[in-house]
Amino acid sequence: MAHQLTRRELLTAAAGAAMMTGCATKVRTLEPPHVSILRVPAYDQTIYDTMRRLLVEHLGDIRGRNILLKPNLVEFEPASSINTHPLVVHAAYEAFRAMGAASVRIAEGPGHRRNTLDLADAAGYFRTVPDFEDHFVDLNLDEVTRVRPTAQFSRIKKLYLPNSALGADLLVSIPKMKTHHWVGATLSMKNLFGVVPSGIYGWPKNVLHWVGIEESIVDLHAAFRHHFAIVDGIVGMEGNGPIQGTAKHVGVLVAGGDPVAVDATCCRIMGIDPMRIRYLQLAARGGADSQIEEDCIRQTGESIQTVATPFELIPQFQRLRLENS
């Protein structure tokens, strides 16, 4: 009779394969996280087909599932690179609908502005997404449920989180690719600050900074177990981000089901060493189902080398720079 491998033997074999390929010796999953880098030169109609192919490749059959799209809406500056471009969000919205999702909603809870719909209007969402108000949820005003973070890194003992986000079958974080003047880079994980309701935590949600901003990022990531991330890197922001920086054209979408791996990949494209981003270090150390080492990520599409676009960093973050970038 053929010998049936035990779980211990499988993990041992996987660990050996990891060491042979240069991956981290501490194996957390048998299947490496999959991250796609797709070249998208401009905000035009080709995004719709690109998005559909991307989501089908990663997610397969999502019929009957409830999808919540979480862009990054920050300020009333539609001509800037602050907010997630509405065409990217609408392309995801249409793709999920075409794939048979039971519902697709767009949701945001801005930390700087109280008039969320006015902010969305200024960012071009009403012009781009038909009947936008019918599909939008203001997370600052949503009903909430108290939860205890499964990963306890910050000093927050419990979180009040919006039911629309907690009840979604899949939470899709769609941030801008930007630098950040406190944590170095703001991508799909940091974008989850927008699910914390200002109706409870106030504007601009300073409690998340007081209890530890990097630690809060990891706690929020752990609170939502069903993730997908799509980073708008067509035009990002460098320098004094996430608000006062300057536009940086990269021409990519970066996506995957593991936000830690997606954000690590984005950092490398930006010329930032993800091993020096503290919240990524905490997430990997805390048992996230991913590695942030490049060799541990199954990457498809463009290579990092062909799209690498070093972002300008403010002086205190020059230490984050990848060597030779």
Protein backbone atom coordinates (compact mmCIF):
# COMPACT_ATOMS: atom_id res chain seq x y z
CA MET A 1 0.00 0.00 0.00
CA ALA A 2 1.31 3.44 -0.89
CA HIS A 3 2.47 5.52 2.06
CA GLN A 4 0.18 8.50 2.79
CA LEU A 5 2.19 11.58 3.71
CA THR A 6 1.28 13.10 7.03
CA ARG A 7 0.78 16.85 7.47
CA ARG A 8 4.14 16.99 9.33
CA GLU A 9 5.90 15.30 6.41
CA LEU A 10 4.28 17.67 3.92
CA LEU A 11 5.38 20.71 5.91
CA THR A 12 8.89 19.31 6.24
CA ALA A 13 9.08 18.77 2.48
CA ALA A 14 7.79 22.28 1.83
CA ALA A 15 10.35 23.73 4.20
CA GLY A 16 13.11 21.92 2.37
CA ALA A 17 11.88 23.25 -0.98
CA ALA A 18 11.73 26.75 0.47
CA MET A 19 15.35 26.60 1.62
CA MET A 20 16.45 25.34 -1.80
CA THR A 21 14.80 28.28 -3.56
CA GLY A 22 16.05 30.91 -1.13
CA CYS A 23 12.65 31.43 0.47
CA ALA A 24 12.30 31.97 4.23
CA THR A 25 12.80 28.82 6.26
CA LYS A 26 9.70 29.47 8.35
CA VAL A 27 6.91 28.11 6.15
CA ARG A 28 3.40 29.36 6.85
CA THR A 29 1.54 28.04 3.80
CA LEU A 30 2.13 25.37 1.20
CA GLU A 31 0.84 27.67 -1.53
CA PRO A 32 2.87 30.88 -2.02
CA PRO A 33 0.88 34.10 -2.34
CA HIS A 34 0.11 35.08 -5.92
CA VAL A 35 0.66 38.70 -6.95
CA SER A 36 0.08 40.09 -10.45
CA ILE A 37 1.77 43.16 -11.91
CA LEU A 38 -0.09 44.37 -14.98
CA ARG A 39 1.08 47.20 -17.19
CA VAL A 40 -1.68 49.81 -17.58
CA PRO A 41 -0.24 52.99 -19.12
CA ALA A 42 -3.24 55.29 -18.70
CA TYR A 43 -6.73 55.70 -17.29
CA ASP A 44 -8.69 54.63 -20.32
CA GLN A 45 -11.26 52.07 -21.43
CA THR A 46 -8.72 49.25 -21.70
CA ILE A 47 -8.78 49.03 -17.89
CA TYR A 48 -12.15 47.26 -18.02
CA ASP A 49 -10.89 44.24 -19.95
CA THR A 50 -7.65 44.14 -17.96
CA MET A 51 -9.55 44.16 -14.67
CA ARG A 52 -11.94 41.41 -15.76
CA ARG A 53 -9.08 39.09 -16.79
CA LEU A 54 -7.21 39.86 -13.59
CA LEU A 55 -10.10 39.01 -11.29
CA VAL A 56 -11.05 35.84 -13.17
CA GLU A 57 -7.45 34.62 -12.96
CA HIS A 58 -7.18 35.22 -9.22
CA LEU A 59 -10.69 34.58 -7.91
CA GLY A 60 -12.37 32.23 -10.35
CA ASP A 61 -16.01 31.59 -9.46
CA ILE A 62 -17.41 34.32 -7.19
CA ARG A 63 -21.09 33.80 -8.07
CA GLY A 64 -23.42 34.59 -5.19
CA ARG A 65 -20.79 36.39 -3.10
CA ASN A 66 -21.16 39.87 -1.61
CA ILE A 67 -18.30 42.17 -2.60
CA LEU A 68 -17.29 45.43 -0.92
CA LEU A 69 -14.89 47.72 -2.80
CA LYS A 70 -12.86 50.06 -0.58
CA PRO A 71 -11.10 52.84 -2.52
CA ASN A 72 -8.99 55.59 -0.96
CA LEU A 73 -10.83 58.93 -0.87
CA VAL A 74 -9.03 61.63 1.07
CA GLU A 75 -9.35 65.19 -0.21
CA PHE A 76 -11.28 67.45 -2.60
CA GLU A 77 -8.57 67.61 -5.26
CA PRO A 78 -9.78 65.73 -8.35
CA ALA A 79 -6.79 66.74 -10.52
CA SER A 80 -4.26 65.39 -8.01
CA SER A 81 -3.01 61.85 -7.39
CA ILE A 82 -4.45 61.70 -3.85
CA ASN A 83 -7.58 59.62 -4.45
CA THR A 84 -8.03 56.23 -6.10
CA HIS A 85 -9.03 56.94 -9.69
CA PRO A 86 -12.77 56.25 -10.19
CA LEU A 87 -12.17 54.39 -13.47
CA VAL A 88 -10.20 51.70 -11.60
CA VAL A 89 -13.00 51.27 -9.07
CA HIS A 90 -15.73 51.20 -11.72
CA ALA A 91 -13.77 48.62 -13.72
CA ALA A 92 -13.64 46.39 -10.63
CA TYR A 93 -17.33 47.02 -9.97
CA GLU A 94 -18.34 46.01 -13.50
CA ALA A 95 -16.03 42.99 -13.50
CA PHE A 96 -17.47 41.59 -10.27
CA ARG A 97 -21.00 42.12 -11.53
CA ALA A 98 -20.22 40.36 -14.80
CA MET A 99 -18.71 37.47 -12.84
CA GLY A 100 -22.01 36.91 -11.04
CA ALA A 101 -21.48 38.50 -7.63
CA ALA A 102 -24.68 38.70 -5.60
CA SER A 103 -23.94 42.33 -4.72
CA VAL A 104 -21.15 44.82 -5.33
CA ARG A 105 -20.94 47.96 -3.22
CA ILE A 106 -18.42 50.76 -2.92
CA ALA A 107 -17.62 51.99 0.57
CA GLU A 108 -15.39 54.54 2.25
CA GLY A 109 -15.05 56.30 5.59
CA PRO A 110 -12.74 59.29 5.07
CA GLY A 111 -10.73 60.47 8.03
CA HIS A 112 -10.23 64.07 6.94
CA ARG A 113 -13.61 65.10 5.52
CA ARG A 114 -17.10 64.69 6.92
CA ASN A 115 -19.00 65.17 3.64
CA THR A 116 -18.25 61.80 2.09
CA LEU A 117 -20.58 62.08 -0.89
CA ASP A 118 -19.28 65.55 -1.73
CA LEU A 119 -15.76 64.14 -1.60
CA ALA A 120 -16.71 61.26 -3.91
CA ASP A 121 -18.36 63.72 -6.28
CA ALA A 122 -15.24 65.92 -6.38
CA ALA A 123 -13.11 62.84 -7.06
CA GLY A 124 -15.20 62.03 -10.14
CA TYR A 125 -17.14 59.03 -8.87
CA PHE A 126 -20.59 60.41 -9.71
CA ARG A 127 -19.49 61.06 -13.30
CA THR A 128 -17.88 57.64 -13.70
CA VAL A 129 -20.13 55.23 -11.79
CA PRO A 130 -23.80 55.32 -12.92
CA ASP A 131 -26.21 55.69 -9.99
CA PHE A 132 -23.24 55.95 -7.65
CA GLU A 133 -25.32 56.80 -4.56
CA ASP A 134 -27.32 53.58 -4.95
CA HIS A 135 -24.15 51.50 -4.66
CA PHE A 136 -22.26 53.49 -2.04
CA VAL A 137 -21.97 53.02 1.75
CA ASP A 138 -20.58 55.73 4.03
CA LEU A 139 -18.62 53.65 6.52
CA ASN A 140 -18.34 56.60 8.90
CA LEU A 141 -22.09 56.36 9.48
CA ASP A 142 -22.68 52.61 9.12
CA GLU A 143 -23.99 50.43 11.94
CA VAL A 144 -21.15 48.76 13.81
CA THR A 145 -20.24 45.61 15.71
CA ARG A 146 -17.62 45.36 18.45
CA VAL A 147 -14.82 42.92 17.64
CA ARG A 148 -11.58 41.97 19.32
CA PRO A 149 -8.54 41.94 17.01
CA THR A 150 -7.28 38.44 16.36
CA ALA A 151 -3.76 39.88 16.22
CA GLN A 152 -3.06 42.15 19.16
CA PHE A 153 -0.22 44.49 18.27
CA SER A 154 -1.67 47.89 19.16
CA ARG A 155 -3.10 48.93 22.50
CA ILE A 156 -6.63 48.70 21.12
CA LYS A 157 -8.50 46.04 23.09
CA LYS A 158 -11.58 46.13 20.89
CA LEU A 159 -12.66 47.72 17.63
CA TYR A 160 -16.04 49.00 16.52
CA LEU A 161 -16.20 48.16 12.83
CA PRO A 162 -18.91 48.77 10.22
CA ASN A 163 -21.27 45.90 9.53
CA SER A 164 -21.06 46.45 5.77
CA ALA A 165 -17.35 45.61 5.88
CA LEU A 166 -17.64 42.79 8.42
CA GLY A 167 -20.51 41.17 6.52
CA ALA A 168 -18.88 41.18 3.08
CA ASP A 169 -17.76 37.86 1.65
CA LEU A 170 -14.80 39.67 0.12
CA LEU A 171 -13.31 43.03 1.11
CA VAL A 172 -11.41 44.52 -1.82
CA SER A 173 -8.92 47.23 -0.89
CA ILE A 174 -8.23 49.56 -3.84
CA PRO A 175 -5.70 52.17 -2.71
CA LYS A 176 -3.34 54.53 -4.50
CA MET A 177 0.34 53.66 -4.63
CA LYS A 178 1.71 56.41 -2.36
CA THR A 179 4.45 57.28 0.06
CA HIS A 180 3.43 58.16 3.62
CA HIS A 181 5.13 60.66 5.90
CA TRP A 182 4.65 58.48 9.01
CA VAL A 183 4.94 54.85 7.88
CA GLY A 184 6.90 55.13 4.64
CA ALA A 185 4.35 53.70 2.21
CA THR A 186 0.55 53.57 2.17
CA LEU A 187 -0.94 50.73 0.16
CA SER A 188 -3.68 48.11 0.58
CA MET A 189 -3.16 47.45 4.31
CA LYS A 190 -3.02 51.10 5.37
CA ASN A 191 -6.12 51.72 3.24
CA LEU A 192 -8.12 49.79 5.86
CA PHE A 193 -7.95 52.85 8.14
CA GLY A 194 -10.90 54.00 6.05
CA VAL A 195 -13.12 51.25 7.45
CA VAL A 196 -12.75 52.57 10.99
CA PRO A 197 -15.86 54.74 11.48
CA SER A 198 -15.20 58.40 12.22
CA GLY A 199 -18.70 58.53 13.66
CA ILE A 200 -17.22 56.68 16.64
CA TYR A 201 -13.50 57.44 16.51
CA GLY A 202 -13.73 61.05 15.34
CA TRP A 203 -12.04 62.98 12.57
CA PRO A 204 -9.19 62.35 11.73
CA LYS A 205 -9.20 59.05 13.69
CA ASN A 206 -6.23 60.07 15.80
CA VAL A 207 -6.79 57.18 18.20
CA LEU A 208 -5.22 54.86 15.60
CA HIS A 209 -2.08 56.95 15.72
CA TRP A 210 -1.99 57.24 19.51
CA VAL A 211 -2.13 53.47 20.04
CA GLY A 212 0.56 52.85 17.40
CA ILE A 213 -0.01 53.48 13.71
CA GLU A 214 1.97 50.51 12.40
CA GLU A 215 0.43 48.22 15.01
CA SER A 216 -3.08 49.44 14.15
CA ILE A 217 -2.49 48.65 10.47
CA VAL A 218 -1.68 45.04 11.36
CA ASP A 219 -4.62 44.72 13.77
CA LEU A 220 -7.04 45.94 11.10
CA HIS A 221 -5.57 43.62 8.52
CA ALA A 222 -6.14 40.69 10.88
CA ALA A 223 -9.74 41.76 11.55
CA PHE A 224 -10.74 41.03 7.94
CA ARG A 225 -9.78 37.55 6.83
CA HIS A 226 -11.27 37.60 3.31
CA HIS A 227 -9.18 40.10 1.37
CA PHE A 228 -8.30 41.05 -2.13
CA ALA A 229 -6.05 43.98 -3.01
CA ILE A 230 -5.85 46.05 -6.20
CA VAL A 231 -3.31 48.88 -6.01
CA ASP A 232 -3.78 51.80 -8.41
CA GLY A 233 -0.22 52.41 -9.49
CA ILE A 234 -1.08 53.94 -12.83
CA VAL A 235 -0.32 57.32 -11.29
CA GLY A 236 0.84 57.27 -7.68
CA MET A 237 2.24 59.86 -5.28
CA GLU A 238 5.84 60.33 -4.16
CA GLY A 239 7.58 62.58 -1.67
CA ASN A 240 5.48 63.99 1.16
CA GLY A 241 2.54 61.62 0.76
CA PRO A 242 -0.19 60.68 1.31
CA ILE A 243 -1.62 64.17 0.66
CA GLN A 244 1.06 66.73 -0.11
CA GLY A 245 3.31 64.73 -2.42
CA THR A 246 3.62 64.93 -6.18
CA ALA A 247 2.24 62.71 -8.93
CA LYS A 248 4.37 59.76 -10.04
CA HIS A 249 3.49 57.81 -13.17
CA VAL A 250 4.23 54.10 -12.88
CA GLY A 251 1.65 52.62 -15.25
CA VAL A 252 0.73 49.46 -13.34
CA LEU A 253 -1.98 47.71 -11.39
CA VAL A 254 -0.70 45.37 -8.68
CA ALA A 255 -3.15 42.82 -7.30
CA GLY A 256 -3.51 39.64 -5.27
CA GLY A 257 -5.33 37.87 -2.50
CA ASP A 258 -2.65 38.49 0.12
CA PRO A 259 -2.34 42.19 1.02
CA VAL A 260 1.01 41.66 2.75
CA ALA A 261 2.55 40.19 -0.39
CA VAL A 262 0.87 42.80 -2.61
CA ASP A 263 2.17 45.67 -0.49
CA ALA A 264 5.68 44.17 -0.36
CA THR A 265 5.66 43.91 -4.15
CA CYS A 266 4.49 47.52 -4.50
CA CYS A 267 7.28 48.66 -2.20
CA ARG A 268 9.87 47.01 -4.42
CA ILE A 269 8.40 48.72 -7.48
CA MET A 270 8.65 52.04 -5.59
CA GLY A 271 12.29 51.42 -4.71
CA ILE A 272 11.45 50.82 -1.04
CA ASP A 273 12.76 47.86 0.92
CA PRO A 274 9.66 46.12 2.34
CA MET A 275 11.85 44.47 4.96
CA ARG A 276 12.27 47.95 6.47
CA ILE A 277 8.53 48.78 6.55
CA ARG A 278 7.58 48.06 10.13
CA TYR A 279 3.94 47.07 9.62
CA LEU A 280 5.00 44.52 7.00
CA GLN A 281 7.55 43.13 9.42
CA LEU A 282 4.88 42.86 12.12
CA ALA A 283 2.39 41.19 9.78
CA ALA A 284 4.88 38.55 8.68
CA ARG A 285 6.12 37.94 12.22
CA GLY A 286 2.54 37.70 13.47
CA GLY A 287 1.72 34.68 11.36
CA ALA A 288 0.18 36.27 8.29
CA ASP A 289 -0.35 33.70 5.53
CA SER A 290 2.44 35.16 3.46
CA GLN A 291 6.07 36.05 3.33
CA ILE A 292 7.41 39.45 2.40
CA GLU A 293 10.59 37.99 0.90
CA GLU A 294 10.52 38.30 -2.87
CA ASP A 295 11.41 34.64 -3.42
CA CYS A 296 8.34 33.56 -1.43
CA ILE A 297 5.85 35.34 -3.70
CA ARG A 298 4.54 33.79 -6.91
CA GLN A 299 4.56 36.78 -9.20
CA THR A 300 2.95 36.89 -12.66
CA GLY A 301 2.68 39.53 -15.37
CA GLU A 302 5.43 42.11 -15.58
CA SER A 303 8.60 41.65 -13.58
CA ILE A 304 9.46 44.13 -10.86
CA GLN A 305 12.61 45.05 -12.78
CA THR A 306 10.72 46.08 -15.93
CA VAL A 307 8.32 48.40 -14.09
CA ALA A 308 10.52 49.58 -11.20
CA THR A 309 10.02 53.32 -10.67
CA PRO A 310 11.87 54.66 -7.62
CA PHE A 311 9.72 57.10 -5.64
CA GLU A 312 11.14 60.21 -4.04
CA LEU A 313 11.32 59.81 -0.25
CA ILE A 314 11.35 62.49 2.41
CA PRO A 315 14.69 62.77 4.29
CA GLN A 316 13.72 60.70 7.34
CA PHE A 317 12.80 57.76 5.10
CA GLN A 318 15.91 57.63 2.92
CA ARG A 319 16.91 54.62 5.04
CA LEU A 320 14.04 52.68 3.43
CA ARG A 321 15.59 52.87 -0.02
CA LEU A 322 16.32 49.58 -1.74
CA GLU A 323 19.93 49.18 -2.72
CA ASN A 324 20.65 49.98 -6.37
CA SER A 325 17.35 51.84 -6.88
